Amino acid sequence: MNLSLPIVVVVLLLITVSSIRILKEYERGVMFTLGRFTGVKGPGVRLVLPVIQQMKTLELRTVVLNVPKQDVISRDNVSVKVSAVVYFRVVDPEKAILQVVNPYEATSQLAQTTLRSVAGQHEMDELLSQRDRLNAAIQQVLDLNTAAWGVKVTNVEIKDIDLDETMIRAMARQAEAERSRRAKVIHAEGEKQAAEALAEAAQLLSSQPASLQLRYLQTLADISNEKSSTIVFPLPIDLIAPLLRR
């Protein structure tokens, strides 16, 4: 009898210690009593009766998920490899336990398939220049599907878009051709503006004969400053017009 009492006390102490659960501020405990859901417990000291009760804990902190590179064929039939980063967190522990086996693995697999699907709906130029639009589209699809699991996708960011060497060289040639085209357009625009300015100047000088003569004198002054043995003297047509008529 004397030996049985300490044994009982020790057993009770062990049961009591094993029944105590301490939840951190960012953790939640989903309680099951005899296999049935009986509520979600917040942070603090919680008592879980052995055999009768069971508690599964989940973190509410944001999880950073690296989506590995996915082989994607864009809408214009270009093969690329796209990787991304997904930020999500559990907002409903009850759904995260009751509706899906592993919310983290489920979100990871869904992110991979969604990345391939959404990226395949865009052309190569859109993938490279409109990443914000692509990020928003992926986040919208993920958030819509993970809501049933109690998971909230807060942000999606495209990390890398890898192209093969052939496509890189083709894009370099395209960029060079585009720069050449812009240079020609700018040159042509400059020639057009210069021609318009000359036409306006010629019209102004023709309306003012005195200004035309002053321009002749200015030209002579400029020629005299140059070290040249040949001087071209501009002779106005108005002076020799009467001689030509005779």
Protein backbone atom coordinates (compact mmCIF):
# COMPACT_ATOMS: atom_id res chain seq x y z
CA MET A 1 0.00 0.00 0.00
CA ASN A 2 2.83 2.35 0.84
CA LEU A 3 4.44 1.74 -2.57
CA SER A 4 1.25 2.08 -4.60
CA LEU A 5 0.50 5.63 -3.45
CA PRO A 6 3.77 7.16 -4.76
CA ILE A 7 3.30 5.28 -8.02
CA VAL A 8 -0.19 6.68 -8.41
CA VAL A 9 1.07 10.18 -7.64
CA VAL A 10 3.88 9.88 -10.19
CA VAL A 11 1.48 8.60 -12.84
CA LEU A 12 -0.90 11.47 -12.18
CA LEU A 13 1.93 13.96 -12.40
CA LEU A 14 3.09 12.48 -15.70
CA ILE A 15 -0.43 12.61 -17.09
CA THR A 16 -0.83 16.21 -15.95
CA VAL A 17 2.51 17.29 -17.44
CA SER A 18 1.79 15.53 -20.73
CA SER A 19 -1.62 17.19 -20.87
CA ILE A 20 -0.25 20.73 -20.74
CA ARG A 21 0.25 22.55 -24.05
CA ILE A 22 1.71 26.04 -24.37
CA LEU A 23 0.71 27.99 -27.48
CA LYS A 24 2.76 30.99 -28.63
CA GLU A 25 1.18 34.26 -29.69
CA TYR A 26 1.40 33.36 -33.40
CA GLU A 27 0.05 29.81 -32.91
CA ARG A 28 -3.47 28.41 -32.79
CA GLY A 29 -4.59 24.99 -31.62
CA VAL A 30 -7.41 23.06 -33.30
CA MET A 31 -9.05 20.84 -30.67
CA PHE A 32 -10.62 17.42 -31.22
CA THR A 33 -12.52 15.58 -28.49
CA LEU A 34 -13.14 11.91 -29.23
CA GLY A 35 -12.48 12.67 -32.89
CA ARG A 36 -14.89 15.59 -33.15
CA PHE A 37 -13.92 19.22 -33.72
CA THR A 38 -14.49 21.19 -30.52
CA GLY A 39 -12.96 24.60 -31.22
CA VAL A 40 -9.82 26.64 -31.84
CA LYS A 41 -7.63 27.58 -28.88
CA GLY A 42 -5.61 30.78 -28.68
CA PRO A 43 -2.16 31.45 -27.15
CA GLY A 44 -1.42 30.52 -23.58
CA VAL A 45 -1.48 27.37 -21.43
CA ARG A 46 -3.96 24.77 -22.65
CA LEU A 47 -4.94 21.44 -21.11
CA VAL A 48 -5.37 18.48 -23.45
CA LEU A 49 -6.72 15.29 -21.91
CA PRO A 50 -4.70 12.26 -23.05
CA VAL A 51 -6.50 9.73 -25.28
CA ILE A 52 -9.74 11.73 -25.10
CA GLN A 53 -8.53 14.97 -26.70
CA GLN A 54 -6.07 15.88 -29.42
CA MET A 55 -4.75 19.28 -30.51
CA LYS A 56 -3.10 20.22 -33.80
CA THR A 57 -1.20 23.49 -33.91
CA LEU A 58 -0.84 25.90 -36.82
CA GLU A 59 1.20 29.07 -37.28
CA LEU A 60 -0.44 32.32 -38.36
CA ARG A 61 2.80 33.94 -39.50
CA THR A 62 3.42 34.68 -43.18
CA VAL A 63 5.08 31.81 -45.04
CA VAL A 64 7.54 32.50 -47.87
CA LEU A 65 7.18 29.89 -50.60
CA ASN A 66 9.76 29.59 -53.37
CA VAL A 67 8.11 28.28 -56.52
CA PRO A 68 10.76 26.40 -58.55
CA LYS A 69 11.33 27.18 -62.21
CA GLN A 70 8.47 26.02 -64.39
CA ASP A 71 8.66 25.25 -68.11
CA VAL A 72 6.21 27.61 -69.78
CA ILE A 73 5.24 28.07 -73.43
CA SER A 74 4.00 31.61 -73.95
CA ARG A 75 1.09 32.56 -76.16
CA ASP A 76 3.49 33.37 -79.02
CA ASN A 77 5.08 29.88 -78.73
CA VAL A 78 8.27 30.86 -76.91
CA SER A 79 9.67 28.36 -74.39
CA VAL A 80 10.83 29.95 -71.13
CA LYS A 81 11.49 29.00 -67.50
CA VAL A 82 9.68 31.09 -64.90
CA SER A 83 10.14 31.07 -61.11
CA ALA A 84 8.28 33.03 -58.44
CA VAL A 85 7.90 33.73 -54.72
CA VAL A 86 4.53 33.41 -52.98
CA TYR A 87 3.71 34.98 -49.60
CA PHE A 88 0.73 33.48 -47.77
CA ARG A 89 -0.56 32.78 -44.26
CA VAL A 90 -3.25 30.77 -42.52
CA VAL A 91 -6.23 32.93 -41.55
CA ASP A 92 -8.73 30.20 -40.62
CA PRO A 93 -7.11 27.32 -38.66
CA GLU A 94 -10.35 25.34 -38.67
CA LYS A 95 -10.51 25.17 -42.48
CA ALA A 96 -6.76 24.62 -42.74
CA ILE A 97 -7.09 21.42 -40.68
CA LEU A 98 -10.52 20.13 -41.71
CA GLN A 99 -10.52 20.95 -45.44
CA VAL A 100 -7.01 19.97 -46.55
CA VAL A 101 -4.38 17.50 -45.38
CA ASN A 102 -1.40 19.85 -45.67
CA PRO A 103 -2.20 23.50 -46.49
CA TYR A 104 1.43 24.38 -47.18
CA GLU A 105 2.01 21.56 -49.67
CA ALA A 106 -1.37 22.18 -51.29
CA THR A 107 -0.58 25.88 -51.75
CA SER A 108 2.85 25.03 -53.18
CA GLN A 109 1.44 22.64 -55.80
CA LEU A 110 -1.34 25.06 -56.70
CA ALA A 111 1.18 27.89 -57.10
CA GLN A 112 3.22 25.85 -59.59
CA THR A 113 0.26 24.94 -61.78
CA THR A 114 -1.16 28.47 -61.61
CA LEU A 115 2.19 29.97 -62.60
CA ARG A 116 2.35 27.78 -65.71
CA SER A 117 -1.26 28.46 -66.60
CA VAL A 118 -1.24 32.24 -66.19
CA ALA A 119 2.19 32.76 -67.79
CA GLY A 120 1.14 30.67 -70.79
CA GLN A 121 -1.69 33.11 -71.49
CA HIS A 122 0.70 36.02 -72.13
CA GLU A 123 3.18 36.80 -74.88
CA MET A 124 6.91 37.02 -74.29
CA ASP A 125 7.01 40.82 -74.35
CA GLU A 126 4.26 40.94 -71.71
CA LEU A 127 6.14 38.51 -69.46
CA LEU A 128 9.21 40.73 -69.56
CA SER A 129 7.60 44.17 -69.38
CA GLN A 130 4.35 43.66 -67.44
CA ARG A 131 5.40 41.68 -64.37
CA ASP A 132 3.11 43.62 -62.06
CA ARG A 133 0.11 42.61 -64.12
CA LEU A 134 1.26 38.99 -64.15
CA ASN A 135 1.85 39.02 -60.37
CA ALA A 136 -1.65 40.37 -59.74
CA ALA A 137 -3.24 37.74 -62.01
CA ILE A 138 -1.44 34.86 -60.27
CA GLN A 139 -2.30 36.21 -56.82
CA GLN A 140 -5.97 36.55 -57.74
CA VAL A 141 -6.21 32.95 -58.95
CA LEU A 142 -4.33 31.57 -55.94
CA ASP A 143 -6.33 33.57 -53.42
CA LEU A 144 -9.59 32.44 -54.97
CA ASN A 145 -8.67 28.75 -54.71
CA THR A 146 -6.96 28.79 -51.30
CA ALA A 147 -9.83 30.59 -49.56
CA ALA A 148 -11.55 27.22 -49.03
CA TRP A 149 -8.44 26.03 -47.14
CA GLY A 150 -8.34 29.01 -44.79
CA VAL A 151 -5.21 30.36 -46.53
CA LYS A 152 -4.75 33.97 -47.65
CA VAL A 153 -2.21 34.73 -50.41
CA THR A 154 -0.89 38.22 -49.67
CA ASN A 155 1.63 38.70 -52.47
CA VAL A 156 3.20 37.04 -55.52
CA GLU A 157 6.45 38.13 -57.16
CA ILE A 158 8.00 36.77 -60.35
CA LYS A 159 11.69 36.06 -59.66
CA ASP A 160 13.38 34.96 -62.88
CA ILE A 161 12.45 34.49 -66.52
CA ASP A 162 15.11 32.44 -68.30
CA LEU A 163 15.39 32.32 -72.08
CA ASP A 164 17.50 30.03 -74.24
CA GLU A 165 20.53 31.39 -76.12
CA THR A 166 18.74 31.44 -79.48
CA MET A 167 15.96 33.63 -78.15
CA ILE A 168 18.43 35.95 -76.42
CA ARG A 169 20.31 36.50 -79.69
CA ALA A 170 17.06 37.06 -81.56
CA MET A 171 15.95 39.64 -79.00
CA ALA A 172 19.34 41.37 -79.23
CA ARG A 173 18.98 41.62 -83.03
CA GLN A 174 15.44 42.93 -82.61
CA ALA A 175 16.60 45.57 -80.14
CA GLU A 176 19.41 46.65 -82.48
CA ALA A 177 16.97 46.93 -85.40
CA GLU A 178 14.62 48.97 -83.23
CA ARG A 179 17.44 51.37 -82.26
CA SER A 180 18.42 51.74 -85.92
CA ARG A 181 14.81 52.47 -86.86
CA ARG A 182 14.50 55.12 -84.18
CA ALA A 183 17.75 56.76 -85.30
CA LYS A 184 16.49 56.94 -88.90
CA VAL A 185 13.16 58.35 -87.79
CA ILE A 186 14.89 61.01 -85.68
CA HIS A 187 17.21 61.90 -88.58
CA ALA A 188 14.28 62.16 -90.99
CA GLU A 189 12.37 64.31 -88.53
CA GLY A 190 15.37 66.61 -88.21
CA GLU A 191 15.67 66.93 -91.99
CA LYS A 192 11.95 67.75 -92.19
CA GLN A 193 12.23 70.46 -89.53
CA ALA A 194 15.33 71.91 -91.23
CA ALA A 195 13.54 72.00 -94.60
CA GLU A 196 10.54 73.74 -93.05
CA ALA A 197 12.82 76.30 -91.39
CA LEU A 198 14.64 76.96 -94.69
CA ALA A 199 11.35 77.37 -96.53
CA GLU A 200 10.16 79.90 -93.96
CA ALA A 201 13.47 81.76 -94.15
CA ALA A 202 13.35 81.85 -97.96
CA GLN A 203 9.77 83.15 -97.89
CA LEU A 204 10.74 85.86 -95.39
CA LEU A 205 13.79 86.94 -97.41
CA SER A 206 11.81 87.04 -100.66
CA SER A 207 9.28 89.36 -99.08
CA GLN A 208 11.99 91.76 -97.92
CA PRO A 209 14.55 92.56 -100.71
CA ALA A 210 16.62 94.69 -98.37
CA SER A 211 17.10 91.82 -95.99
CA LEU A 212 18.22 89.63 -98.89
CA GLN A 213 20.91 92.15 -99.80
CA LEU A 214 22.05 92.26 -96.18
CA ARG A 215 22.33 88.49 -96.32
CA TYR A 216 24.53 88.77 -99.39
CA LEU A 217 26.80 91.24 -97.60
CA GLN A 218 27.00 88.95 -94.56
CA THR A 219 27.99 86.07 -96.83
CA LEU A 220 30.75 88.20 -98.39
CA ALA A 221 32.02 89.10 -94.94
CA ASP A 222 32.15 85.45 -93.99
CA ILE A 223 34.02 84.54 -97.16
CA SER A 224 36.59 87.31 -96.67
CA ASN A 225 37.49 85.87 -93.26
CA GLU A 226 38.43 82.52 -94.78
CA LYS A 227 41.92 81.88 -96.15
CA SER A 228 40.99 81.00 -99.71
CA SER A 229 42.26 82.16 -103.09
CA THR A 230 38.87 81.73 -104.70
CA ILE A 231 35.95 83.93 -103.86
CA VAL A 232 32.49 83.21 -105.13
CA PHE A 233 30.51 86.43 -105.44
CA PRO A 234 26.76 85.94 -105.23
CA LEU A 235 25.16 88.06 -107.97
CA PRO A 236 21.45 88.75 -107.54
CA ILE A 237 19.34 87.73 -110.50
CA ASP A 238 17.44 91.01 -110.29
CA LEU A 239 20.54 92.90 -111.42
CA ILE A 240 21.11 90.93 -114.60
CA ALA A 241 17.45 90.32 -115.47
CA PRO A 242 17.25 93.43 -117.75
CA LEU A 243 20.38 92.32 -119.62
CA LEU A 244 18.95 88.88 -120.15
CA ARG A 245 15.72 90.34 -121.57
CA ARG A 246 17.68 92.46 -124.09
